N, C-alpha and C. Protein backbone atom coordinates (compact mmCIF):
# COMPACT_ATOMS: atom_id res chain seq x y z
N MET A 1 251.08 174.12 49.64
CA MET A 1 250.09 175.00 49.06
C MET A 1 250.79 176.25 48.56
N SER A 2 250.39 176.71 47.41
CA SER A 2 251.02 177.88 46.80
C SER A 2 250.22 179.15 47.10
N LEU A 3 250.85 180.30 46.88
CA LEU A 3 250.18 181.58 47.08
C LEU A 3 248.99 181.70 46.14
N SER A 4 249.12 181.22 44.92
CA SER A 4 248.00 181.31 43.98
C SER A 4 246.80 180.49 44.47
N GLU A 5 247.04 179.38 45.16
CA GLU A 5 245.94 178.60 45.74
C GLU A 5 245.32 179.34 46.92
N LEU A 6 246.16 179.98 47.75
CA LEU A 6 245.64 180.76 48.88
C LEU A 6 244.79 181.93 48.41
N LYS A 7 245.19 182.56 47.30
CA LYS A 7 244.46 183.72 46.78
C LYS A 7 243.05 183.38 46.33
N GLU A 8 242.77 182.11 46.09
CA GLU A 8 241.43 181.69 45.66
C GLU A 8 240.47 181.52 46.83
N LYS A 9 240.97 181.48 48.04
CA LYS A 9 240.15 181.19 49.22
C LYS A 9 239.61 182.46 49.87
N ASP A 10 238.36 182.40 50.32
CA ASP A 10 237.78 183.49 51.10
C ASP A 10 238.32 183.43 52.52
N VAL A 11 238.57 184.59 53.11
CA VAL A 11 239.01 184.68 54.49
C VAL A 11 237.81 185.15 55.31
N VAL A 12 237.47 184.38 56.36
CA VAL A 12 236.32 184.68 57.20
C VAL A 12 236.79 184.83 58.64
N ASN A 13 236.35 185.93 59.28
CA ASN A 13 236.68 186.19 60.68
C ASN A 13 235.63 185.48 61.55
N ILE A 14 236.05 184.52 62.35
CA ILE A 14 235.09 183.78 63.17
C ILE A 14 234.63 184.57 64.38
N GLU A 15 235.25 185.72 64.65
CA GLU A 15 234.80 186.57 65.76
C GLU A 15 233.44 187.18 65.46
N ASN A 16 233.21 187.54 64.18
CA ASN A 16 231.95 188.19 63.83
C ASN A 16 231.26 187.54 62.63
N GLY A 17 231.86 186.51 62.05
CA GLY A 17 231.27 185.80 60.91
C GLY A 17 231.37 186.53 59.59
N MET A 18 232.09 187.64 59.56
CA MET A 18 232.18 188.46 58.35
C MET A 18 233.27 187.96 57.41
N ARG A 19 232.97 188.06 56.13
CA ARG A 19 233.98 187.76 55.10
C ARG A 19 234.93 188.95 55.04
N VAL A 20 236.22 188.69 55.17
CA VAL A 20 237.22 189.75 55.17
C VAL A 20 237.68 190.04 53.74
N GLY A 21 237.76 189.02 52.92
CA GLY A 21 238.23 189.17 51.54
C GLY A 21 239.04 187.96 51.15
N LYS A 22 239.82 188.11 50.11
CA LYS A 22 240.70 187.03 49.66
C LYS A 22 242.15 187.43 49.94
N VAL A 23 243.00 186.46 50.11
CA VAL A 23 244.41 186.71 50.38
C VAL A 23 245.01 187.46 49.20
N MET A 24 245.72 188.57 49.49
CA MET A 24 246.40 189.30 48.42
C MET A 24 247.92 189.17 48.51
N ASP A 25 248.41 188.78 49.69
CA ASP A 25 249.86 188.66 49.87
C ASP A 25 250.14 187.86 51.13
N ILE A 26 251.39 187.46 51.29
CA ILE A 26 251.83 186.81 52.52
C ILE A 26 253.10 187.51 53.00
N GLU A 27 253.32 187.44 54.30
CA GLU A 27 254.58 187.92 54.88
C GLU A 27 255.30 186.72 55.45
N PHE A 28 256.60 186.68 55.27
CA PHE A 28 257.37 185.56 55.81
C PHE A 28 258.68 186.05 56.39
N ASP A 29 259.23 185.24 57.26
CA ASP A 29 260.52 185.52 57.89
C ASP A 29 261.61 185.14 56.90
N GLU A 30 262.41 186.10 56.49
CA GLU A 30 263.41 185.84 55.47
C GLU A 30 264.55 184.94 55.95
N THR A 31 264.74 184.82 57.24
CA THR A 31 265.81 183.95 57.73
C THR A 31 265.36 182.50 57.85
N THR A 32 264.11 182.28 58.27
CA THR A 32 263.63 180.90 58.43
C THR A 32 262.78 180.43 57.26
N GLY A 33 262.22 181.38 56.51
CA GLY A 33 261.34 181.03 55.40
C GLY A 33 259.93 180.67 55.85
N CYS A 34 259.63 180.85 57.13
CA CYS A 34 258.30 180.53 57.65
C CYS A 34 257.33 181.67 57.42
N VAL A 35 256.08 181.32 57.11
CA VAL A 35 255.03 182.32 56.91
C VAL A 35 254.74 182.98 58.25
N GLN A 36 254.70 184.31 58.26
CA GLN A 36 254.42 185.07 59.47
C GLN A 36 252.99 185.62 59.50
N ALA A 37 252.43 185.93 58.31
CA ALA A 37 251.10 186.55 58.27
C ALA A 37 250.51 186.45 56.88
N LEU A 38 249.18 186.54 56.82
CA LEU A 38 248.46 186.70 55.57
C LEU A 38 248.01 188.15 55.47
N VAL A 39 247.95 188.68 54.27
CA VAL A 39 247.50 190.05 54.06
C VAL A 39 246.26 190.00 53.18
N VAL A 40 245.19 190.63 53.65
CA VAL A 40 243.94 190.73 52.88
C VAL A 40 243.67 192.21 52.64
N PRO A 41 242.87 192.53 51.61
CA PRO A 41 242.60 193.94 51.33
C PRO A 41 241.97 194.66 52.51
N GLY A 42 242.37 195.91 52.71
CA GLY A 42 241.78 196.73 53.76
C GLY A 42 240.63 197.53 53.20
N LYS A 43 240.23 198.55 53.91
CA LYS A 43 239.15 199.43 53.45
C LYS A 43 239.58 200.13 52.17
N PHE A 44 238.62 200.33 51.27
CA PHE A 44 238.89 200.98 49.99
C PHE A 44 239.27 202.44 50.21
N ASP A 45 240.36 202.85 49.61
CA ASP A 45 240.82 204.24 49.68
C ASP A 45 241.20 204.67 48.27
N PHE A 46 240.35 205.50 47.65
CA PHE A 46 240.55 205.90 46.27
C PHE A 46 241.90 206.58 46.05
N LEU A 47 242.30 207.47 46.95
CA LEU A 47 243.58 208.18 46.79
C LEU A 47 244.76 207.22 46.86
N ALA A 48 244.69 206.24 47.73
CA ALA A 48 245.76 205.25 47.81
C ALA A 48 245.82 204.44 46.51
N LEU A 49 244.65 204.13 45.97
CA LEU A 49 244.59 203.39 44.71
C LEU A 49 245.23 204.18 43.59
N VAL A 50 244.95 205.48 43.52
CA VAL A 50 245.51 206.35 42.48
C VAL A 50 247.03 206.42 42.61
N ARG A 51 247.52 206.46 43.86
CA ARG A 51 248.97 206.53 44.09
C ARG A 51 249.65 205.17 43.91
N GLY A 52 248.87 204.11 43.71
CA GLY A 52 249.44 202.78 43.51
C GLY A 52 249.80 202.08 44.80
N GLU A 53 249.29 202.57 45.92
CA GLU A 53 249.58 201.97 47.21
C GLU A 53 248.65 200.79 47.45
N LYS A 54 249.17 199.74 48.04
CA LYS A 54 248.35 198.61 48.45
C LYS A 54 248.17 198.67 49.95
N LYS A 55 246.93 198.81 50.39
CA LYS A 55 246.65 198.81 51.82
C LYS A 55 245.98 197.50 52.16
N GLY A 56 246.42 196.92 53.25
CA GLY A 56 245.84 195.65 53.62
C GLY A 56 245.79 195.44 55.11
N ILE A 57 245.04 194.43 55.48
CA ILE A 57 244.95 194.01 56.88
C ILE A 57 245.92 192.84 57.04
N VAL A 58 246.84 192.97 57.97
CA VAL A 58 247.82 191.91 58.23
C VAL A 58 247.26 191.02 59.34
N ILE A 59 247.12 189.74 59.02
CA ILE A 59 246.61 188.78 60.00
C ILE A 59 247.77 187.85 60.38
N PRO A 60 248.30 188.00 61.60
CA PRO A 60 249.43 187.17 62.04
C PRO A 60 249.08 185.68 62.02
N TRP A 61 250.07 184.86 61.72
CA TRP A 61 249.88 183.42 61.60
C TRP A 61 249.19 182.78 62.81
N PRO A 62 249.51 183.18 64.06
CA PRO A 62 248.82 182.56 65.20
C PRO A 62 247.31 182.82 65.22
N GLN A 63 246.83 183.81 64.47
CA GLN A 63 245.40 184.11 64.44
C GLN A 63 244.67 183.39 63.31
N ILE A 64 245.40 182.58 62.56
CA ILE A 64 244.78 181.77 61.51
C ILE A 64 244.38 180.45 62.15
N CYS A 65 243.07 180.19 62.16
CA CYS A 65 242.54 179.01 62.85
C CYS A 65 242.59 177.76 61.98
N ARG A 66 242.18 177.91 60.72
CA ARG A 66 242.10 176.74 59.86
C ARG A 66 242.10 177.17 58.40
N ILE A 67 242.82 176.40 57.59
CA ILE A 67 242.80 176.60 56.14
C ILE A 67 242.09 175.41 55.54
N GLY A 68 240.91 175.66 54.99
CA GLY A 68 240.11 174.59 54.41
C GLY A 68 240.21 174.57 52.89
N ASP A 69 239.35 173.79 52.26
CA ASP A 69 239.35 173.68 50.80
C ASP A 69 238.93 174.98 50.13
N ASP A 70 237.95 175.68 50.72
CA ASP A 70 237.40 176.87 50.10
C ASP A 70 237.55 178.14 50.93
N VAL A 71 237.88 177.99 52.20
CA VAL A 71 237.86 179.14 53.10
C VAL A 71 239.00 179.07 54.10
N ILE A 72 239.43 180.25 54.55
CA ILE A 72 240.44 180.36 55.61
C ILE A 72 239.75 181.02 56.79
N LEU A 73 239.72 180.33 57.93
CA LEU A 73 239.09 180.87 59.13
C LEU A 73 240.16 181.54 59.99
N VAL A 74 239.88 182.78 60.37
CA VAL A 74 240.82 183.55 61.19
C VAL A 74 240.07 184.12 62.39
N ARG A 75 240.82 184.48 63.40
CA ARG A 75 240.23 185.09 64.59
C ARG A 75 241.04 186.35 64.91
N PHE A 76 240.41 187.52 64.67
CA PHE A 76 241.07 188.77 65.02
C PHE A 76 240.02 189.83 65.31
N ASP A 77 240.42 190.82 66.07
CA ASP A 77 239.54 191.92 66.44
C ASP A 77 239.49 192.89 65.26
N ALA A 78 238.36 192.96 64.60
CA ALA A 78 238.21 193.78 63.40
C ALA A 78 238.28 195.27 63.69
N GLU A 79 238.15 195.65 64.94
CA GLU A 79 238.19 197.08 65.31
C GLU A 79 239.58 197.64 65.25
N ASN A 80 240.61 196.79 65.39
CA ASN A 80 242.00 197.25 65.41
C ASN A 80 242.66 197.09 64.07
């Protein structure tokens, strides 16, 4: 599966049933090439947007429950 395919999928937190957003980036281990985390958009911050900063929520790979055809199910505490 490619990053462009992942970016089309909605990410849903099964802890609270809320849609988190769509994948905007991935993090991987440069030595092994394994995916370490998915990054989805964080809370909107106008000043960060003006400065060109990308803020996101990093969801570690062990917290990804299932990648389906249309949705990615994750389990994480949205408060942190």
